[in-house]
Amino acid sequence: MGKCIIRLDNVGFTKNPALIKSVKYLPADVATAIENGQFVAIGGLVAGEREVHKATTPTATATNFGIVCTPELSYREAGYNGLDTYENEAGQVIRVGILGKGDIYSATVEGFDKAPAVGNIVELQAGTKGKVVATLTASSTQVGKIIEIETVGRFTFYVVEVQ
């Protein structure tokens, strides 16, 4: 199984840089690798930094969260370096976009806890993957709704409209 690929179809943070945060993923204060297309809770600034925030694993009720969407750039010359192999390394400063109502993004199945169907709801959980449910769980934070499933080449993308 590969790594999650995220596609930023129509999201506000690509036009409003105030909605993009530079973060280090530090769950339990330990630098940890994370794939694109995962959700993180955005905390305060990392000690000694002016622009780099601390990101942690979100809870189901998190309100200050974003989606990891670092440009996939690999400096390895040997072997296969496709989008489905990219992972943000532990300790790396990564890009997180803050989603707004009406935004549309797509992710491969690795961005969800299970394969979604059109009409399913995506919500936060105590983990970085989007939780796929048929009806919204009480007291959880809804991210969006699956509006389409698209196949592009060998990849299947699940299109999410942010609610």
C-alpha atoms as a PDB file:
ATOM      1  CA  MET A   1       0.000   0.000   0.000  1.00  0.00           C
ATOM      2  CA  GLY A   2       1.316   3.445  -0.932  1.00  0.00           C
ATOM      3  CA  LYS A   3       1.190   6.780   0.823  1.00  0.00           C
ATOM      4  CA  CYS A   4      -1.730   9.198   0.600  1.00  0.00           C
ATOM      5  CA  ILE A   5      -1.830  11.567  -2.351  1.00  0.00           C
ATOM      6  CA  ILE A   6      -3.772  14.797  -1.874  1.00  0.00           C
ATOM      7  CA  ARG A   7      -5.146  16.972  -4.659  1.00  0.00           C
ATOM      8  CA  LEU A   8      -6.113  20.564  -3.884  1.00  0.00           C
ATOM      9  CA  ASP A   9      -9.009  20.932  -6.320  1.00  0.00           C
ATOM     10  CA  ASN A  10     -10.540  24.211  -5.129  1.00  0.00           C
ATOM     11  CA  VAL A  11      -9.384  25.313  -1.701  1.00  0.00           C
ATOM     12  CA  GLY A  12      -9.213  28.843  -0.347  1.00  0.00           C
ATOM     13  CA  PHE A  13      -5.788  28.486   1.228  1.00  0.00           C
ATOM     14  CA  THR A  14      -4.131  28.315  -2.199  1.00  0.00           C
ATOM     15  CA  LYS A  15      -5.229  31.936  -2.695  1.00  0.00           C
ATOM     16  CA  ASN A  16      -5.057  33.196   0.903  1.00  0.00           C
ATOM     17  CA  PRO A  17      -1.656  32.494   2.453  1.00  0.00           C
ATOM     18  CA  ALA A  18      -2.972  33.386   5.919  1.00  0.00           C
ATOM     19  CA  LEU A  19      -4.711  29.976   5.830  1.00  0.00           C
ATOM     20  CA  ILE A  20      -1.431  28.112   5.322  1.00  0.00           C
ATOM     21  CA  LYS A  21       0.577  27.164   8.409  1.00  0.00           C
ATOM     22  CA  SER A  22       4.119  25.885   8.662  1.00  0.00           C
ATOM     23  CA  VAL A  23       4.218  23.177  11.320  1.00  0.00           C
ATOM     24  CA  LYS A  24       6.294  20.391  12.775  1.00  0.00           C
ATOM     25  CA  TYR A  25       4.355  17.232  13.559  1.00  0.00           C
ATOM     26  CA  LEU A  26       5.198  16.583  17.218  1.00  0.00           C
ATOM     27  CA  PRO A  27       2.679  14.212  18.842  1.00  0.00           C
ATOM     28  CA  ALA A  28       3.686  13.708  22.500  1.00  0.00           C
ATOM     29  CA  ASP A  29       6.588  16.120  21.754  1.00  0.00           C
ATOM     30  CA  VAL A  30       8.287  13.535  19.522  1.00  0.00           C
ATOM     31  CA  ALA A  31       9.162  14.424  15.930  1.00  0.00           C
ATOM     32  CA  THR A  32       7.218  11.941  13.791  1.00  0.00           C
ATOM     33  CA  ALA A  33       6.859  11.327  10.049  1.00  0.00           C
ATOM     34  CA  ILE A  34       3.410  11.953   8.536  1.00  0.00           C
ATOM     35  CA  GLU A  35       1.831  11.489   5.109  1.00  0.00           C
ATOM     36  CA  ASN A  36       0.097  14.172   3.101  1.00  0.00           C
ATOM     37  CA  GLY A  37      -3.707  14.115   3.303  1.00  0.00           C
ATOM     38  CA  GLN A  38      -3.714  13.581   7.085  1.00  0.00           C
ATOM     39  CA  PHE A  39      -5.368  15.867   9.628  1.00  0.00           C
ATOM     40  CA  VAL A  40      -3.446  17.562  12.432  1.00  0.00           C
ATOM     41  CA  ALA A  41      -4.399  19.816  15.322  1.00  0.00           C
ATOM     42  CA  ILE A  42      -2.563  23.132  15.100  1.00  0.00           C
ATOM     43  CA  GLY A  43      -1.098  24.389  18.354  1.00  0.00           C
ATOM     44  CA  GLY A  44       1.096  27.263  19.429  1.00  0.00           C
ATOM     45  CA  LEU A  45       4.476  28.186  18.059  1.00  0.00           C
ATOM     46  CA  VAL A  46       7.400  25.809  18.488  1.00  0.00           C
ATOM     47  CA  ALA A  47       9.835  27.199  21.112  1.00  0.00           C
ATOM     48  CA  GLY A  48      12.223  29.659  19.481  1.00  0.00           C
ATOM     49  CA  GLU A  49      10.213  29.934  16.260  1.00  0.00           C
ATOM     50  CA  ARG A  50       8.191  32.833  14.843  1.00  0.00           C
ATOM     51  CA  GLU A  51       6.274  30.991  12.134  1.00  0.00           C
ATOM     52  CA  VAL A  52       6.469  27.262  12.836  1.00  0.00           C
ATOM     53  CA  HIS A  53       3.597  25.849  14.857  1.00  0.00           C
ATOM     54  CA  LYS A  54       3.406  22.593  16.775  1.00  0.00           C
ATOM     55  CA  ALA A  55       1.035  20.069  15.183  1.00  0.00           C
ATOM     56  CA  THR A  56      -0.337  17.083  17.065  1.00  0.00           C
ATOM     57  CA  THR A  57      -2.792  14.267  16.465  1.00  0.00           C
ATOM     58  CA  PRO A  58      -6.306  15.746  16.521  1.00  0.00           C
ATOM     59  CA  THR A  59      -9.187  14.619  18.671  1.00  0.00           C
ATOM     60  CA  ALA A  60     -12.669  13.968  17.293  1.00  0.00           C
ATOM     61  CA  THR A  61     -13.760  17.393  18.566  1.00  0.00           C
ATOM     62  CA  ALA A  62     -10.755  19.487  17.492  1.00  0.00           C
ATOM     63  CA  THR A  63     -11.638  22.881  16.058  1.00  0.00           C
ATOM     64  CA  ASN A  64      -8.210  24.313  15.141  1.00  0.00           C
ATOM     65  CA  PHE A  65      -7.048  21.761  12.593  1.00  0.00           C
ATOM     66  CA  GLY A  66      -5.702  21.540   9.067  1.00  0.00           C
ATOM     67  CA  ILE A  67      -4.748  19.050   6.394  1.00  0.00           C
ATOM     68  CA  VAL A  68      -1.145  18.173   5.563  1.00  0.00           C
ATOM     69  CA  CYS A  69      -0.357  19.150   1.965  1.00  0.00           C
ATOM     70  CA  THR A  70       3.393  19.603   1.576  1.00  0.00           C
ATOM     71  CA  PRO A  71       4.583  19.717  -2.050  1.00  0.00           C
ATOM     72  CA  GLU A  72       5.969  16.287  -2.939  1.00  0.00           C
ATOM     73  CA  LEU A  73       9.626  16.950  -3.634  1.00  0.00           C
ATOM     74  CA  SER A  74      12.114  14.104  -3.403  1.00  0.00           C
ATOM     75  CA  TYR A  75      15.877  14.490  -3.622  1.00  0.00           C
ATOM     76  CA  ARG A  76      16.512  10.736  -3.863  1.00  0.00           C
ATOM     77  CA  GLU A  77      17.952   9.772  -7.204  1.00  0.00           C
ATOM     78  CA  ALA A  78      17.744   5.993  -6.898  1.00  0.00           C
ATOM     79  CA  GLY A  79      14.591   3.905  -7.134  1.00  0.00           C
ATOM     80  CA  TYR A  80      10.979   4.828  -7.761  1.00  0.00           C
ATOM     81  CA  ASN A  81       9.987   8.280  -6.455  1.00  0.00           C
ATOM     82  CA  GLY A  82       6.284   8.531  -7.343  1.00  0.00           C
ATOM     83  CA  LEU A  83       3.719  10.594  -5.464  1.00  0.00           C
ATOM     84  CA  ASP A  84       2.540   7.423  -3.728  1.00  0.00           C
ATOM     85  CA  THR A  85       5.905   7.027  -1.965  1.00  0.00           C
ATOM     86  CA  TYR A  86       6.205  10.544  -0.527  1.00  0.00           C
ATOM     87  CA  GLU A  87       6.173  11.024   3.234  1.00  0.00           C
ATOM     88  CA  ASN A  88       7.009  14.097   5.310  1.00  0.00           C
ATOM     89  CA  GLU A  89      10.049  13.123   7.342  1.00  0.00           C
ATOM     90  CA  ALA A  90      10.216  13.349  11.132  1.00  0.00           C
ATOM     91  CA  GLY A  91      11.308  16.840  12.225  1.00  0.00           C
ATOM     92  CA  GLN A  92      10.629  18.381   8.809  1.00  0.00           C
ATOM     93  CA  VAL A  93       8.734  21.668   8.617  1.00  0.00           C
ATOM     94  CA  ILE A  94       5.586  20.817   6.664  1.00  0.00           C
ATOM     95  CA  ARG A  95       2.707  22.738   5.078  1.00  0.00           C
ATOM     96  CA  VAL A  96      -0.797  22.512   6.530  1.00  0.00           C
ATOM     97  CA  GLY A  97      -3.835  24.103   4.908  1.00  0.00           C
ATOM     98  CA  ILE A  98      -6.817  25.292   6.926  1.00  0.00           C
ATOM     99  CA  LEU A  99      -9.979  24.213   5.139  1.00  0.00           C
ATOM    100  CA  GLY A 100     -13.038  26.442   4.802  1.00  0.00           C
ATOM    101  CA  LYS A 101     -16.679  25.740   4.031  1.00  0.00           C
ATOM    102  CA  GLY A 102     -17.149  25.019   0.334  1.00  0.00           C
ATOM    103  CA  ASP A 103     -13.528  23.987  -0.270  1.00  0.00           C
ATOM    104  CA  ILE A 104     -13.030  20.863  -2.361  1.00  0.00           C
ATOM    105  CA  TYR A 105     -10.044  18.546  -2.066  1.00  0.00           C
ATOM    106  CA  SER A 106      -9.395  14.963  -3.100  1.00  0.00           C
ATOM    107  CA  ALA A 107      -7.331  12.238  -1.474  1.00  0.00           C
ATOM    108  CA  THR A 108      -6.517   8.622  -2.147  1.00  0.00           C
ATOM    109  CA  VAL A 109      -7.899   5.943   0.184  1.00  0.00           C
ATOM    110  CA  GLU A 110      -4.846   6.212   2.464  1.00  0.00           C
ATOM    111  CA  GLY A 111      -6.238   9.536   3.717  1.00  0.00           C
ATOM    112  CA  PHE A 112      -9.279   7.811   5.255  1.00  0.00           C
ATOM    113  CA  ASP A 113      -9.864   5.090   7.833  1.00  0.00           C
ATOM    114  CA  LYS A 114     -11.731   3.061   5.174  1.00  0.00           C
ATOM    115  CA  ALA A 115     -12.782   3.406   1.555  1.00  0.00           C
ATOM    116  CA  PRO A 116     -15.546   6.040   1.318  1.00  0.00           C
ATOM    117  CA  ALA A 117     -18.666   5.977  -0.833  1.00  0.00           C
ATOM    118  CA  VAL A 118     -20.418   8.958  -2.378  1.00  0.00           C
ATOM    119  CA  GLY A 119     -22.614  10.558   0.292  1.00  0.00           C
ATOM    120  CA  ASN A 120     -20.449   9.439   3.236  1.00  0.00           C
ATOM    121  CA  ILE A 121     -19.382  12.005   5.803  1.00  0.00           C
ATOM    122  CA  VAL A 122     -15.748  12.633   6.705  1.00  0.00           C
ATOM    123  CA  GLU A 123     -15.129  13.665  10.303  1.00  0.00           C
ATOM    124  CA  LEU A 124     -12.190  13.984  12.651  1.00  0.00           C
ATOM    125  CA  GLN A 125     -11.205  11.186  14.989  1.00  0.00           C
ATOM    126  CA  ALA A 126      -8.479  10.593  17.554  1.00  0.00           C
ATOM    127  CA  GLY A 127      -6.081   9.908  14.695  1.00  0.00           C
ATOM    128  CA  THR A 128      -4.763  11.629  11.596  1.00  0.00           C
ATOM    129  CA  LYS A 129      -6.899   9.880   8.977  1.00  0.00           C
ATOM    130  CA  GLY A 130     -10.372  11.149   8.129  1.00  0.00           C
ATOM    131  CA  LYS A 131     -13.074   8.985   9.695  1.00  0.00           C
ATOM    132  CA  VAL A 132     -15.699   7.847   7.171  1.00  0.00           C
ATOM    133  CA  VAL A 133     -19.256   7.482   8.522  1.00  0.00           C
ATOM    134  CA  ALA A 134     -22.777   7.285   7.110  1.00  0.00           C
ATOM    135  CA  THR A 135     -24.161   9.758   9.682  1.00  0.00           C
ATOM    136  CA  LEU A 136     -22.317  12.318  11.755  1.00  0.00           C
ATOM    137  CA  THR A 137     -21.170  11.039  15.135  1.00  0.00           C
ATOM    138  CA  ALA A 138     -22.468  13.093  18.090  1.00  0.00           C
ATOM    139  CA  SER A 139     -19.933  15.647  19.372  1.00  0.00           C
ATOM    140  CA  SER A 140     -17.515  15.095  16.490  1.00  0.00           C
ATOM    141  CA  THR A 141     -16.148  17.672  14.074  1.00  0.00           C
ATOM    142  CA  GLN A 142     -17.412  17.209  10.530  1.00  0.00           C
ATOM    143  CA  VAL A 143     -14.855  17.922   7.824  1.00  0.00           C
ATOM    144  CA  GLY A 144     -16.993  17.324   4.767  1.00  0.00           C
ATOM    145  CA  LYS A 145     -18.903  14.961   2.523  1.00  0.00           C
ATOM    146  CA  ILE A 146     -17.761  12.652  -0.284  1.00  0.00           C
ATOM    147  CA  ILE A 147     -19.269  14.077  -3.472  1.00  0.00           C
ATOM    148  CA  GLU A 148     -17.513  12.036  -6.133  1.00  0.00           C
ATOM    149  CA  ILE A 149     -15.046   9.225  -6.772  1.00  0.00           C
ATOM    150  CA  GLU A 150     -12.600   9.755  -9.636  1.00  0.00           C
ATOM    151  CA  THR A 151     -10.004   7.511 -11.210  1.00  0.00           C
ATOM    152  CA  VAL A 152      -6.960   9.311 -12.578  1.00  0.00           C
ATOM    153  CA  GLY A 153      -4.476   6.928 -14.165  1.00  0.00           C
ATOM    154  CA  ARG A 154      -3.881   4.188 -11.603  1.00  0.00           C
ATOM    155  CA  PHE A 155      -5.069   6.259  -8.627  1.00  0.00           C
ATOM    156  CA  THR A 156      -8.591   6.556  -7.226  1.00  0.00           C
ATOM    157  CA  PHE A 157      -9.398   9.889  -5.591  1.00  0.00           C
ATOM    158  CA  TYR A 158     -12.255  10.508  -3.166  1.00  0.00           C
ATOM    159  CA  VAL A 159     -13.522  14.071  -3.626  1.00  0.00           C
ATOM    160  CA  VAL A 160     -14.493  15.856  -0.390  1.00  0.00           C
ATOM    161  CA  GLU A 161     -16.566  19.033  -0.192  1.00  0.00           C
ATOM    162  CA  VAL A 162     -15.906  20.758   3.117  1.00  0.00           C
ATOM    163  CA  GLN A 163     -19.092  21.385   5.090  1.00  0.00           C
END
